[in-house]
Amino acid sequence: MSKKTKYAVSRSIEGISLNGQEFILASNGKILKFDTKELCIEYAIKTVGEDYADFDINICSIAEDDSYELV
């Protein structure tokens, strides 16, 4: 049985893509994950505005083990 893809909001550490990503965390200290890409984008827009991409904000698909891929 395959696991359902989740999504997360991230940005490059210190604005440098080679440094990897840092993620918005939930109150429990774990990566805040969304069930759909659309919900994730809505959260990014609510947090920083319609131009969230200008803030080096990325949307990632994220696995249960917290491995990720930019989407």
N, C-alpha and C. Protein backbone atom coordinates (compact mmCIF):
# COMPACT_ATOMS: atom_id res chain seq x y z
N MET A 1 0.84 -1.17 0.00
CA MET A 1 0.00 0.00 0.00
C MET A 1 0.89 1.25 0.00
N SER A 2 0.68 2.15 -0.95
CA SER A 2 1.53 3.34 -1.04
C SER A 2 1.04 4.41 -0.07
N LYS A 3 1.97 5.21 0.38
CA LYS A 3 1.66 6.30 1.31
C LYS A 3 1.19 7.51 0.53
N LYS A 4 0.27 8.26 1.09
CA LYS A 4 -0.24 9.46 0.44
C LYS A 4 0.81 10.57 0.54
N THR A 5 1.01 11.26 -0.56
CA THR A 5 1.97 12.37 -0.59
C THR A 5 1.44 13.52 0.24
N LYS A 6 2.31 14.13 1.01
CA LYS A 6 2.01 15.34 1.78
C LYS A 6 2.85 16.47 1.19
N TYR A 7 2.55 17.70 1.59
CA TYR A 7 3.25 18.87 1.08
C TYR A 7 3.67 19.77 2.22
N ALA A 8 4.75 20.52 2.01
CA ALA A 8 5.26 21.41 3.05
C ALA A 8 5.78 22.69 2.41
N VAL A 9 5.84 23.76 3.23
CA VAL A 9 6.38 25.05 2.80
C VAL A 9 7.83 25.12 3.28
N SER A 10 8.73 25.49 2.37
CA SER A 10 10.13 25.59 2.75
C SER A 10 10.79 26.79 2.08
N ARG A 11 12.03 27.03 2.46
CA ARG A 11 12.86 28.02 1.77
C ARG A 11 14.31 27.57 1.89
N SER A 12 15.14 28.08 1.00
CA SER A 12 16.56 27.75 1.05
C SER A 12 17.20 28.39 2.27
N ILE A 13 18.03 27.65 2.96
CA ILE A 13 18.72 28.18 4.14
C ILE A 13 19.62 29.33 3.70
N GLU A 14 19.47 30.48 4.36
CA GLU A 14 20.21 31.71 4.05
C GLU A 14 20.05 32.14 2.60
N GLY A 15 18.95 31.71 1.94
CA GLY A 15 18.69 32.10 0.57
C GLY A 15 19.57 31.45 -0.47
N ILE A 16 20.32 30.43 -0.09
CA ILE A 16 21.25 29.75 -1.01
C ILE A 16 20.77 28.33 -1.22
N SER A 17 20.38 28.01 -2.45
CA SER A 17 19.77 26.71 -2.72
C SER A 17 20.69 25.53 -2.43
N LEU A 18 21.99 25.71 -2.50
CA LEU A 18 22.92 24.62 -2.20
C LEU A 18 22.91 24.23 -0.73
N ASN A 19 22.38 25.09 0.14
CA ASN A 19 22.35 24.83 1.58
C ASN A 19 21.22 23.91 2.01
N GLY A 20 20.37 23.51 1.10
CA GLY A 20 19.23 22.69 1.48
C GLY A 20 18.05 23.56 1.87
N GLN A 21 17.02 22.95 2.46
CA GLN A 21 15.78 23.64 2.79
C GLN A 21 15.53 23.66 4.29
N GLU A 22 14.86 24.72 4.73
CA GLU A 22 14.33 24.77 6.09
C GLU A 22 12.82 24.89 5.95
N PHE A 23 12.09 24.27 6.86
CA PHE A 23 10.65 24.13 6.74
C PHE A 23 9.92 24.86 7.85
N ILE A 24 8.68 25.26 7.57
CA ILE A 24 7.80 25.78 8.61
C ILE A 24 7.47 24.60 9.52
N LEU A 25 7.60 24.82 10.82
CA LEU A 25 7.37 23.74 11.78
C LEU A 25 6.03 23.93 12.49
N ALA A 26 5.43 22.81 12.86
CA ALA A 26 4.21 22.80 13.68
C ALA A 26 4.61 23.07 15.13
N SER A 27 3.63 23.24 15.98
CA SER A 27 3.90 23.52 17.39
C SER A 27 4.65 22.39 18.10
N ASN A 28 4.59 21.18 17.53
CA ASN A 28 5.30 20.05 18.14
C ASN A 28 6.74 19.95 17.67
N GLY A 29 7.20 20.91 16.84
CA GLY A 29 8.58 20.94 16.37
C GLY A 29 8.84 20.11 15.12
N LYS A 30 7.79 19.44 14.61
CA LYS A 30 7.94 18.65 13.39
C LYS A 30 7.50 19.48 12.19
N ILE A 31 7.90 19.05 11.00
CA ILE A 31 7.54 19.77 9.78
C ILE A 31 6.02 19.84 9.64
N LEU A 32 5.51 21.04 9.37
CA LEU A 32 4.08 21.25 9.15
C LEU A 32 3.75 20.72 7.77
N LYS A 33 2.89 19.69 7.71
CA LYS A 33 2.56 19.02 6.45
C LYS A 33 1.10 19.23 6.10
N PHE A 34 0.83 19.33 4.80
CA PHE A 34 -0.52 19.54 4.29
C PHE A 34 -0.92 18.37 3.42
N ASP A 35 -2.22 18.06 3.39
CA ASP A 35 -2.71 16.93 2.61
C ASP A 35 -2.69 17.18 1.10
N THR A 36 -2.81 18.45 0.69
CA THR A 36 -2.81 18.75 -0.74
C THR A 36 -1.86 19.90 -1.03
N LYS A 37 -1.41 19.96 -2.27
CA LYS A 37 -0.55 21.06 -2.70
C LYS A 37 -1.31 22.38 -2.60
N GLU A 38 -2.60 22.36 -2.91
CA GLU A 38 -3.41 23.57 -2.86
C GLU A 38 -3.49 24.15 -1.44
N LEU A 39 -3.70 23.29 -0.44
CA LEU A 39 -3.74 23.76 0.96
C LEU A 39 -2.39 24.34 1.37
N CYS A 40 -1.33 23.74 0.88
CA CYS A 40 0.01 24.22 1.19
C CYS A 40 0.23 25.61 0.58
N ILE A 41 -0.18 25.78 -0.66
CA ILE A 41 -0.05 27.07 -1.33
C ILE A 41 -0.91 28.12 -0.62
N GLU A 42 -2.13 27.76 -0.23
CA GLU A 42 -3.00 28.68 0.50
C GLU A 42 -2.33 29.16 1.78
N TYR A 43 -1.66 28.25 2.49
CA TYR A 43 -0.97 28.62 3.72
C TYR A 43 0.18 29.57 3.42
N ALA A 44 0.95 29.29 2.36
CA ALA A 44 2.07 30.17 1.98
C ALA A 44 1.55 31.57 1.65
N ILE A 45 0.44 31.64 0.91
CA ILE A 45 -0.15 32.94 0.55
C ILE A 45 -0.64 33.66 1.80
N LYS A 46 -1.29 32.93 2.70
CA LYS A 46 -1.80 33.53 3.94
C LYS A 46 -0.64 34.04 4.80
N THR A 47 0.48 33.35 4.76
CA THR A 47 1.62 33.70 5.60
C THR A 47 2.41 34.88 5.06
N VAL A 48 2.73 34.88 3.75
CA VAL A 48 3.59 35.94 3.19
C VAL A 48 2.97 36.71 2.04
N GLY A 49 1.81 36.30 1.55
CA GLY A 49 1.13 37.03 0.49
C GLY A 49 1.19 36.32 -0.86
N GLU A 50 0.47 36.88 -1.81
CA GLU A 50 0.34 36.29 -3.15
C GLU A 50 1.69 36.08 -3.82
N ASP A 51 2.65 36.92 -3.52
CA ASP A 51 3.96 36.83 -4.16
C ASP A 51 4.94 35.98 -3.33
N TYR A 52 4.43 34.90 -2.73
CA TYR A 52 5.27 34.07 -1.85
C TYR A 52 6.54 33.59 -2.52
N ALA A 53 6.52 33.36 -3.83
CA ALA A 53 7.72 32.88 -4.54
C ALA A 53 8.83 33.93 -4.51
N ASP A 54 8.47 35.20 -4.41
CA ASP A 54 9.48 36.26 -4.33
C ASP A 54 10.25 36.23 -3.01
N PHE A 55 9.73 35.53 -2.03
CA PHE A 55 10.38 35.41 -0.74
C PHE A 55 11.20 34.12 -0.64
N ASP A 56 11.52 33.52 -1.77
CA ASP A 56 12.27 32.27 -1.83
C ASP A 56 11.52 31.15 -1.10
N ILE A 57 10.19 31.19 -1.17
CA ILE A 57 9.35 30.17 -0.55
C ILE A 57 9.09 29.08 -1.59
N ASN A 58 9.27 27.83 -1.19
CA ASN A 58 9.06 26.69 -2.08
C ASN A 58 7.95 25.80 -1.54
N ILE A 59 7.31 25.08 -2.44
CA ILE A 59 6.36 24.04 -2.06
C ILE A 59 7.03 22.72 -2.37
N CYS A 60 7.07 21.82 -1.39
CA CYS A 60 7.74 20.54 -1.53
C CYS A 60 6.75 19.40 -1.32
N SER A 61 6.94 18.32 -2.08
CA SER A 61 6.25 17.09 -1.70
C SER A 61 7.16 16.44 -0.67
N ILE A 62 6.58 15.86 0.35
CA ILE A 62 7.38 15.37 1.46
C ILE A 62 6.91 13.98 1.90
N ALA A 63 7.86 13.11 2.14
CA ALA A 63 7.55 11.74 2.53
C ALA A 63 7.46 11.63 4.04
N GLU A 64 6.98 10.48 4.51
CA GLU A 64 6.87 10.26 5.96
C GLU A 64 8.21 10.40 6.69
N ASP A 65 9.32 10.04 5.99
CA ASP A 65 10.64 10.14 6.62
C ASP A 65 11.24 11.54 6.47
N ASP A 66 10.44 12.49 6.01
CA ASP A 66 10.80 13.89 5.82
C ASP A 66 11.77 14.13 4.66
N SER A 67 11.99 13.11 3.81
CA SER A 67 12.70 13.39 2.57
C SER A 67 11.76 14.21 1.70
N TYR A 68 12.30 15.06 0.85
CA TYR A 68 11.45 15.98 0.11
C TYR A 68 11.91 16.16 -1.33
N GLU A 69 11.01 16.75 -2.12
CA GLU A 69 11.29 17.10 -3.50
C GLU A 69 10.55 18.38 -3.80
N LEU A 70 11.23 19.38 -4.36
CA LEU A 70 10.56 20.63 -4.72
C LEU A 70 9.57 20.35 -5.84
N VAL A 71 8.38 20.96 -5.74
CA VAL A 71 7.36 20.78 -6.78
C VAL A 71 6.96 22.12 -7.37
